[in-house]
Amino acid sequence: MVSDAGQTDSLDASLGSVMRAQAPIHRLRPDPIDDATVLTLLELASRATAGQRRRCEFVVVRDPDIRHQLARSYRQGWSVYRRVLHTRAGDDALLEARQWEADHFEDVPVIVVACVRGRRPVFSAIGAASFYAGVFPAVQNLLLAAAALGLGGAASTIALWSRWATRRTLGLPAQVTPVVVVPLGRPRGVPTPAPVAPIGNLIHLDRYGHQPFRGRAGYELPSGAPASRITEA
């Protein structure tokens, strides 16, 4: 448990240092997380969309039976998605981490389901972007705040592969759409961020393909830094 004073000190850490240290955490301990910590995280998450017409809402899942139902949906979706991921990524460590998460999903102490009121527009790309705009900034705030407090998690949509099943499990009304699931817990081991390519390689000035900053980085990990992995404690 993190004390209120400890929470304040941790959350006052440099935002840049938290961002650079952040890594998706798929292996989490079952240690409980108190309500005060969860409320602090969600309060900070909600700040990302303050003032917007459509804001993110959160379903916090602690009940073992509901966690089990979400875990069952996760494993059903993962049984299909892992074949696609294996073909595209070919990263055995990533596949192992996701498989571990699928096998232990119901053991996570807190699962946050981020939702938004309304139905996703089917034919309008602009409408869809507007629809999701109230969710993903809040989820990123949630993950950054969790990392600052020594917690971990990773946003996923696999557990929502059947929205009908998710609605039934969570008792969601028809006008509320589940968008993403974030399991939260204490990491098993010490997370290390993945090395990143120079940011200049991802920047195009004025027109795509014009990259005058190529090879330049605003921040670089030390030479030989390991890829994002969790070392088992």
C-alpha atoms as a PDB file:
ATOM      1  CA  MET A   1       0.000   0.000   0.000  1.00  0.00           C
ATOM      2  CA  VAL A   2       1.286   3.474  -0.839  1.00  0.00           C
ATOM      3  CA  SER A   3       0.707   6.164   1.786  1.00  0.00           C
ATOM      4  CA  ASP A   4      -0.893   9.481   0.798  1.00  0.00           C
ATOM      5  CA  ALA A   5       2.440  11.235   1.338  1.00  0.00           C
ATOM      6  CA  GLY A   6       4.215   8.593  -0.713  1.00  0.00           C
ATOM      7  CA  GLN A   7       1.648   8.980  -3.477  1.00  0.00           C
ATOM      8  CA  THR A   8       2.210  12.729  -3.607  1.00  0.00           C
ATOM      9  CA  ASP A   9       5.985  12.351  -3.768  1.00  0.00           C
ATOM     10  CA  SER A  10       5.764   9.721  -6.507  1.00  0.00           C
ATOM     11  CA  LEU A  11       3.262  11.686  -8.570  1.00  0.00           C
ATOM     12  CA  ASP A  12       5.444  14.789  -8.321  1.00  0.00           C
ATOM     13  CA  ALA A  13       8.230  12.997 -10.204  1.00  0.00           C
ATOM     14  CA  SER A  14       9.338  14.453 -13.521  1.00  0.00           C
ATOM     15  CA  LEU A  15       6.742  13.669 -16.174  1.00  0.00           C
ATOM     16  CA  GLY A  16       9.461  13.073 -18.726  1.00  0.00           C
ATOM     17  CA  SER A  17      11.214  10.532 -16.522  1.00  0.00           C
ATOM     18  CA  VAL A  18       7.959   8.645 -15.965  1.00  0.00           C
ATOM     19  CA  MET A  19       7.198   8.621 -19.691  1.00  0.00           C
ATOM     20  CA  ARG A  20      10.662   7.364 -20.578  1.00  0.00           C
ATOM     21  CA  ALA A  21      10.529   4.624 -17.954  1.00  0.00           C
ATOM     22  CA  GLN A  22       7.043   3.453 -18.888  1.00  0.00           C
ATOM     23  CA  ALA A  23       6.680   0.006 -20.408  1.00  0.00           C
ATOM     24  CA  PRO A  24       3.584  -2.173 -20.992  1.00  0.00           C
ATOM     25  CA  ILE A  25       3.402  -4.626 -18.089  1.00  0.00           C
ATOM     26  CA  HIS A  26       1.680  -7.952 -18.759  1.00  0.00           C
ATOM     27  CA  ARG A  27       2.919  -9.928 -15.743  1.00  0.00           C
ATOM     28  CA  LEU A  28       1.291  -8.585 -12.584  1.00  0.00           C
ATOM     29  CA  ARG A  29       1.194  -9.722  -8.978  1.00  0.00           C
ATOM     30  CA  PRO A  30      -2.138 -10.475  -7.260  1.00  0.00           C
ATOM     31  CA  ASP A  31      -1.290  -8.128  -4.341  1.00  0.00           C
ATOM     32  CA  PRO A  32      -4.329  -5.965  -3.486  1.00  0.00           C
ATOM     33  CA  ILE A  33      -4.520  -2.283  -4.402  1.00  0.00           C
ATOM     34  CA  ASP A  34      -6.463  -0.074  -1.999  1.00  0.00           C
ATOM     35  CA  ASP A  35      -9.425   2.068  -3.040  1.00  0.00           C
ATOM     36  CA  ALA A  36      -7.621   5.355  -2.333  1.00  0.00           C
ATOM     37  CA  THR A  37      -4.919   4.475  -4.867  1.00  0.00           C
ATOM     38  CA  VAL A  38      -7.449   3.426  -7.495  1.00  0.00           C
ATOM     39  CA  LEU A  39      -9.462   6.624  -7.004  1.00  0.00           C
ATOM     40  CA  THR A  40      -6.293   8.719  -7.288  1.00  0.00           C
ATOM     41  CA  LEU A  41      -5.378   7.022 -10.566  1.00  0.00           C
ATOM     42  CA  LEU A  42      -8.851   7.456 -12.049  1.00  0.00           C
ATOM     43  CA  GLU A  43      -9.091  11.081 -10.927  1.00  0.00           C
ATOM     44  CA  LEU A  44      -5.861  11.808 -12.788  1.00  0.00           C
ATOM     45  CA  ALA A  45      -7.076   9.779 -15.779  1.00  0.00           C
ATOM     46  CA  SER A  46     -10.278  11.806 -15.974  1.00  0.00           C
ATOM     47  CA  ARG A  47      -8.330  15.083 -16.138  1.00  0.00           C
ATOM     48  CA  ALA A  48      -7.253  14.222 -19.687  1.00  0.00           C
ATOM     49  CA  THR A  49     -10.740  14.872 -21.050  1.00  0.00           C
ATOM     50  CA  ALA A  50     -12.071  17.470 -18.609  1.00  0.00           C
ATOM     51  CA  GLY A  51     -14.401  19.845 -20.409  1.00  0.00           C
ATOM     52  CA  GLN A  52     -15.099  17.519 -23.325  1.00  0.00           C
ATOM     53  CA  ARG A  53     -18.696  16.731 -24.176  1.00  0.00           C
ATOM     54  CA  ARG A  54     -18.102  12.986 -24.294  1.00  0.00           C
ATOM     55  CA  ARG A  55     -15.957  11.836 -21.377  1.00  0.00           C
ATOM     56  CA  CYS A  56     -14.520   8.489 -20.403  1.00  0.00           C
ATOM     57  CA  GLU A  57     -16.314   6.490 -17.711  1.00  0.00           C
ATOM     58  CA  PHE A  58     -14.750   3.634 -15.775  1.00  0.00           C
ATOM     59  CA  VAL A  59     -15.970   0.283 -14.533  1.00  0.00           C
ATOM     60  CA  VAL A  60     -13.622  -0.924 -11.781  1.00  0.00           C
ATOM     61  CA  VAL A  61     -13.739  -4.706 -11.508  1.00  0.00           C
ATOM     62  CA  ARG A  62     -12.685  -6.384  -8.276  1.00  0.00           C
ATOM     63  CA  ASP A  63     -15.264  -9.170  -7.979  1.00  0.00           C
ATOM     64  CA  PRO A  64     -13.574 -12.564  -8.619  1.00  0.00           C
ATOM     65  CA  ASP A  65     -16.529 -13.923 -10.603  1.00  0.00           C
ATOM     66  CA  ILE A  66     -16.609 -10.941 -12.953  1.00  0.00           C
ATOM     67  CA  ARG A  67     -12.825 -11.043 -13.342  1.00  0.00           C
ATOM     68  CA  HIS A  68     -13.150 -14.714 -14.244  1.00  0.00           C
ATOM     69  CA  GLN A  69     -15.740 -13.961 -16.923  1.00  0.00           C
ATOM     70  CA  LEU A  70     -13.545 -11.242 -18.416  1.00  0.00           C
ATOM     71  CA  ALA A  71     -10.586 -13.639 -18.298  1.00  0.00           C
ATOM     72  CA  ARG A  72     -12.590 -16.245 -20.179  1.00  0.00           C
ATOM     73  CA  SER A  73     -13.398 -13.701 -22.887  1.00  0.00           C
ATOM     74  CA  TYR A  74      -9.744 -12.669 -22.975  1.00  0.00           C
ATOM     75  CA  ARG A  75      -8.587 -16.240 -23.531  1.00  0.00           C
ATOM     76  CA  GLN A  76     -11.159 -16.790 -26.273  1.00  0.00           C
ATOM     77  CA  GLY A  77     -10.005 -13.671 -28.103  1.00  0.00           C
ATOM     78  CA  TRP A  78      -6.342 -14.443 -27.493  1.00  0.00           C
ATOM     79  CA  SER A  79      -6.677 -17.920 -28.991  1.00  0.00           C
ATOM     80  CA  VAL A  80      -7.370 -16.182 -32.316  1.00  0.00           C
ATOM     81  CA  TYR A  81      -5.265 -13.048 -32.004  1.00  0.00           C
ATOM     82  CA  ARG A  82      -2.030 -14.765 -30.999  1.00  0.00           C
ATOM     83  CA  ARG A  83      -1.858 -16.431 -34.419  1.00  0.00           C
ATOM     84  CA  VAL A  84      -2.053 -13.023 -36.063  1.00  0.00           C
ATOM     85  CA  LEU A  85       0.472 -11.542 -33.638  1.00  0.00           C
ATOM     86  CA  HIS A  86       2.884 -14.430 -34.198  1.00  0.00           C
ATOM     87  CA  THR A  87       2.721 -13.871 -37.955  1.00  0.00           C
ATOM     88  CA  ARG A  88       3.220 -10.113 -37.729  1.00  0.00           C
ATOM     89  CA  ALA A  89       5.605  -9.756 -34.799  1.00  0.00           C
ATOM     90  CA  GLY A  90       7.625 -12.943 -34.530  1.00  0.00           C
ATOM     91  CA  ASP A  91       8.646 -11.769 -31.039  1.00  0.00           C
ATOM     92  CA  ASP A  92       8.664 -14.827 -28.783  1.00  0.00           C
ATOM     93  CA  ALA A  93       9.135 -12.774 -25.595  1.00  0.00           C
ATOM     94  CA  LEU A  94       6.097 -10.620 -26.398  1.00  0.00           C
ATOM     95  CA  LEU A  95       4.006 -13.682 -27.179  1.00  0.00           C
ATOM     96  CA  GLU A  96       5.075 -15.300 -23.914  1.00  0.00           C
ATOM     97  CA  ALA A  97       4.169 -12.175 -21.947  1.00  0.00           C
ATOM     98  CA  ARG A  98       0.738 -11.955 -23.554  1.00  0.00           C
ATOM     99  CA  GLN A  99       0.174 -15.674 -23.019  1.00  0.00           C
ATOM    100  CA  TRP A 100       1.075 -15.270 -19.342  1.00  0.00           C
ATOM    101  CA  GLU A 101      -1.401 -12.402 -19.072  1.00  0.00           C
ATOM    102  CA  ALA A 102      -4.124 -14.506 -20.688  1.00  0.00           C
ATOM    103  CA  ASP A 103      -3.460 -17.416 -18.307  1.00  0.00           C
ATOM    104  CA  HIS A 104      -3.528 -15.216 -15.178  1.00  0.00           C
ATOM    105  CA  PHE A 105      -5.980 -12.477 -16.135  1.00  0.00           C
ATOM    106  CA  GLU A 106      -8.440 -13.233 -13.341  1.00  0.00           C
ATOM    107  CA  ASP A 107      -5.632 -12.996 -10.744  1.00  0.00           C
ATOM    108  CA  VAL A 108      -5.077  -9.282 -11.396  1.00  0.00           C
ATOM    109  CA  PRO A 109      -6.340  -7.319  -8.359  1.00  0.00           C
ATOM    110  CA  VAL A 110      -8.045  -4.531 -10.338  1.00  0.00           C
ATOM    111  CA  ILE A 111      -9.322  -4.440 -13.901  1.00  0.00           C
ATOM    112  CA  VAL A 112     -10.457  -1.075 -15.265  1.00  0.00           C
ATOM    113  CA  VAL A 113     -12.820  -1.052 -18.238  1.00  0.00           C
ATOM    114  CA  ALA A 114     -12.851   2.344 -19.942  1.00  0.00           C
ATOM    115  CA  CYS A 115     -16.207   3.162 -21.524  1.00  0.00           C
ATOM    116  CA  VAL A 116     -17.841   5.998 -23.401  1.00  0.00           C
ATOM    117  CA  ARG A 117     -21.481   6.942 -23.771  1.00  0.00           C
ATOM    118  CA  GLY A 118     -22.894   6.452 -27.231  1.00  0.00           C
ATOM    119  CA  ARG A 119     -22.391   4.080 -30.137  1.00  0.00           C
ATOM    120  CA  ARG A 120     -19.351   4.153 -32.414  1.00  0.00           C
ATOM    121  CA  PRO A 121     -20.195   5.599 -35.851  1.00  0.00           C
ATOM    122  CA  VAL A 122     -19.832   2.824 -38.407  1.00  0.00           C
ATOM    123  CA  PHE A 123     -19.235   4.708 -41.654  1.00  0.00           C
ATOM    124  CA  SER A 124     -17.590   7.968 -40.555  1.00  0.00           C
ATOM    125  CA  ALA A 125     -13.853   7.990 -39.820  1.00  0.00           C
ATOM    126  CA  ILE A 126     -14.117  11.496 -38.372  1.00  0.00           C
ATOM    127  CA  GLY A 127     -17.020  10.417 -36.188  1.00  0.00           C
ATOM    128  CA  ALA A 128     -15.077   7.377 -34.957  1.00  0.00           C
ATOM    129  CA  ALA A 129     -12.044   9.507 -34.114  1.00  0.00           C
ATOM    130  CA  SER A 130     -14.245  11.914 -32.180  1.00  0.00           C
ATOM    131  CA  PHE A 131     -15.931   9.004 -30.422  1.00  0.00           C
ATOM    132  CA  TYR A 132     -12.633   7.567 -29.126  1.00  0.00           C
ATOM    133  CA  ALA A 133     -11.056  10.953 -28.351  1.00  0.00           C
ATOM    134  CA  GLY A 134     -12.519  10.883 -24.858  1.00  0.00           C
ATOM    135  CA  VAL A 135     -11.040   7.487 -23.991  1.00  0.00           C
ATOM    136  CA  PHE A 136      -7.443   7.030 -25.037  1.00  0.00           C
ATOM    137  CA  PRO A 137      -6.017  10.224 -23.488  1.00  0.00           C
ATOM    138  CA  ALA A 138      -7.615   9.136 -20.193  1.00  0.00           C
ATOM    139  CA  VAL A 139      -6.145   5.638 -20.520  1.00  0.00           C
ATOM    140  CA  GLN A 140      -2.684   7.083 -21.137  1.00  0.00           C
ATOM    141  CA  ASN A 141      -3.013   9.280 -18.042  1.00  0.00           C
ATOM    142  CA  LEU A 142      -4.060   6.204 -16.090  1.00  0.00           C
ATOM    143  CA  LEU A 143      -1.007   4.215 -17.197  1.00  0.00           C
ATOM    144  CA  LEU A 144       1.409   7.093 -16.533  1.00  0.00           C
ATOM    145  CA  ALA A 145       0.003   7.685 -13.055  1.00  0.00           C
ATOM    146  CA  ALA A 146       0.173   3.946 -12.331  1.00  0.00           C
ATOM    147  CA  ALA A 147       3.816   3.842 -13.422  1.00  0.00           C
ATOM    148  CA  ALA A 148       4.624   6.794 -11.166  1.00  0.00           C
ATOM    149  CA  LEU A 149       3.199   4.849  -8.191  1.00  0.00           C
ATOM    150  CA  GLY A 150       5.147   1.696  -8.968  1.00  0.00           C
ATOM    151  CA  LEU A 151       2.172  -0.085 -10.521  1.00  0.00           C
ATOM    152  CA  GLY A 152       1.868  -1.494 -13.998  1.00  0.00           C
ATOM    153  CA  GLY A 153      -0.597  -2.443 -16.672  1.00  0.00           C
ATOM    154  CA  ALA A 154      -1.189  -2.492 -20.393  1.00  0.00           C
ATOM    155  CA  ALA A 155      -4.216  -1.368 -22.386  1.00  0.00           C
ATOM    156  CA  SER A 156      -5.915  -4.182 -24.295  1.00  0.00           C
ATOM    157  CA  THR A 157      -9.060  -4.773 -26.299  1.00  0.00           C
ATOM    158  CA  ILE A 158      -8.789  -8.559 -26.463  1.00  0.00           C
ATOM    159  CA  ALA A 159     -11.073  -9.079 -23.459  1.00  0.00           C
ATOM    160  CA  LEU A 160     -13.714  -7.078 -25.370  1.00  0.00           C
ATOM    161  CA  TRP A 161     -13.673  -9.273 -28.459  1.00  0.00           C
ATOM    162  CA  SER A 162     -17.354  -9.992 -27.757  1.00  0.00           C
ATOM    163  CA  ARG A 163     -18.969  -6.690 -26.834  1.00  0.00           C
ATOM    164  CA  TRP A 164     -22.243  -8.501 -26.239  1.00  0.00           C
ATOM    165  CA  ALA A 165     -20.624 -10.741 -23.624  1.00  0.00           C
ATOM    166  CA  THR A 166     -18.886  -7.753 -22.027  1.00  0.00           C
ATOM    167  CA  ARG A 167     -22.131  -5.806 -21.811  1.00  0.00           C
ATOM    168  CA  ARG A 168     -23.822  -8.743 -20.133  1.00  0.00           C
ATOM    169  CA  THR A 169     -20.921  -9.340 -17.740  1.00  0.00           C
ATOM    170  CA  LEU A 170     -20.682  -5.700 -16.640  1.00  0.00           C
ATOM    171  CA  GLY A 171     -24.379  -4.857 -16.870  1.00  0.00           C
ATOM    172  CA  LEU A 172     -23.709  -2.027 -19.303  1.00  0.00           C
ATOM    173  CA  PRO A 173     -26.720  -0.175 -20.696  1.00  0.00           C
ATOM    174  CA  ALA A 174     -27.149  -0.043 -24.456  1.00  0.00           C
ATOM    175  CA  GLN A 175     -25.904   3.561 -24.680  1.00  0.00           C
ATOM    176  CA  VAL A 176     -22.550   2.805 -23.013  1.00  0.00           C
ATOM    177  CA  THR A 177     -19.764   1.244 -25.107  1.00  0.00           C
ATOM    178  CA  PRO A 178     -16.755  -0.551 -23.595  1.00  0.00           C
ATOM    179  CA  VAL A 179     -13.594   0.537 -25.418  1.00  0.00           C
ATOM    180  CA  VAL A 180     -10.480  -0.757 -23.666  1.00  0.00           C
ATOM    181  CA  VAL A 181      -9.471  -2.850 -20.653  1.00  0.00           C
ATOM    182  CA  VAL A 182      -6.577  -1.977 -18.348  1.00  0.00           C
ATOM    183  CA  PRO A 183      -5.494  -4.567 -15.756  1.00  0.00           C
ATOM    184  CA  LEU A 184      -3.597  -2.922 -12.884  1.00  0.00           C
ATOM    185  CA  GLY A 185      -1.205  -4.447 -10.378  1.00  0.00           C
ATOM    186  CA  ARG A 186       2.330  -4.506  -9.085  1.00  0.00           C
ATOM    187  CA  PRO A 187       4.828  -5.734 -11.688  1.00  0.00           C
ATOM    188  CA  ARG A 188       6.501  -9.100 -11.338  1.00  0.00           C
ATOM    189  CA  GLY A 189      10.123  -8.004 -11.563  1.00  0.00           C
ATOM    190  CA  VAL A 190      11.538  -4.705 -12.762  1.00  0.00           C
ATOM    191  CA  PRO A 191      10.160  -3.256 -16.015  1.00  0.00           C
ATOM    192  CA  THR A 192      12.651  -1.817 -18.479  1.00  0.00           C
ATOM    193  CA  PRO A 193      11.636   0.379 -21.401  1.00  0.00           C
ATOM    194  CA  ALA A 194      12.389  -0.712 -24.918  1.00  0.00           C
ATOM    195  CA  PRO A 195      15.138   1.114 -26.802  1.00  0.00           C
ATOM    196  CA  VAL A 196      13.695   3.578 -29.280  1.00  0.00           C
ATOM    197  CA  ALA A 197      14.794   4.600 -32.734  1.00  0.00           C
ATOM    198  CA  PRO A 198      15.851   8.237 -33.139  1.00  0.00           C
ATOM    199  CA  ILE A 199      12.684  10.314 -33.038  1.00  0.00           C
ATOM    200  CA  GLY A 200      13.847  12.068 -36.190  1.00  0.00           C
ATOM    201  CA  ASN A 201      13.191   8.825 -38.069  1.00  0.00           C
ATOM    202  CA  LEU A 202       9.483   9.202 -37.291  1.00  0.00           C
ATOM    203  CA  ILE A 203       9.175  12.892 -38.148  1.00  0.00           C
ATOM    204  CA  HIS A 204       8.234  14.191 -41.592  1.00  0.00           C
ATOM    205  CA  LEU A 205       8.414  17.939 -42.123  1.00  0.00           C
ATOM    206  CA  ASP A 206       5.563  19.486 -44.098  1.00  0.00           C
ATOM    207  CA  ARG A 207       5.292  16.519 -46.466  1.00  0.00           C
ATOM    208  CA  TYR A 208       5.631  12.793 -45.903  1.00  0.00           C
ATOM    209  CA  GLY A 209       9.104  11.586 -46.833  1.00  0.00           C
ATOM    210  CA  HIS A 210      10.860  14.879 -46.073  1.00  0.00           C
ATOM    211  CA  GLN A 211      12.942  13.973 -42.992  1.00  0.00           C
ATOM    212  CA  PRO A 212      15.580  16.608 -42.264  1.00  0.00           C
ATOM    213  CA  PHE A 213      15.841  15.408 -38.646  1.00  0.00           C
ATOM    214  CA  ARG A 214      16.495  11.771 -39.517  1.00  0.00           C
ATOM    215  CA  GLY A 215      18.981  10.156 -37.144  1.00  0.00           C
ATOM    216  CA  ARG A 216      18.476  12.823 -34.479  1.00  0.00           C
ATOM    217  CA  ALA A 217      17.025  11.921 -31.085  1.00  0.00           C
ATOM    218  CA  GLY A 218      15.715  14.059 -28.286  1.00  0.00           C
ATOM    219  CA  TYR A 219      16.364  11.194 -25.900  1.00  0.00           C
ATOM    220  CA  GLU A 220      18.296   7.966 -26.291  1.00  0.00           C
ATOM    221  CA  LEU A 221      18.740   4.964 -24.013  1.00  0.00           C
ATOM    222  CA  PRO A 222      22.315   4.005 -23.145  1.00  0.00           C
ATOM    223  CA  SER A 223      24.065   1.893 -25.749  1.00  0.00           C
ATOM    224  CA  GLY A 224      23.203  -1.781 -25.405  1.00  0.00           C
ATOM    225  CA  ALA A 225      20.074  -1.193 -23.300  1.00  0.00           C
ATOM    226  CA  PRO A 226      17.778  -4.250 -23.335  1.00  0.00           C
ATOM    227  CA  ALA A 227      14.424  -4.368 -25.049  1.00  0.00           C
ATOM    228  CA  SER A 228      11.277  -4.048 -22.978  1.00  0.00           C
ATOM    229  CA  ARG A 229      11.188  -7.112 -20.775  1.00  0.00           C
ATOM    230  CA  ILE A 230      10.172  -8.088 -17.279  1.00  0.00           C
ATOM    231  CA  THR A 231      12.758  -9.964 -15.268  1.00  0.00           C
ATOM    232  CA  GLU A 232      10.965 -12.383 -12.973  1.00  0.00           C
ATOM    233  CA  ALA A 233      11.491 -11.651  -9.270  1.00  0.00           C
END
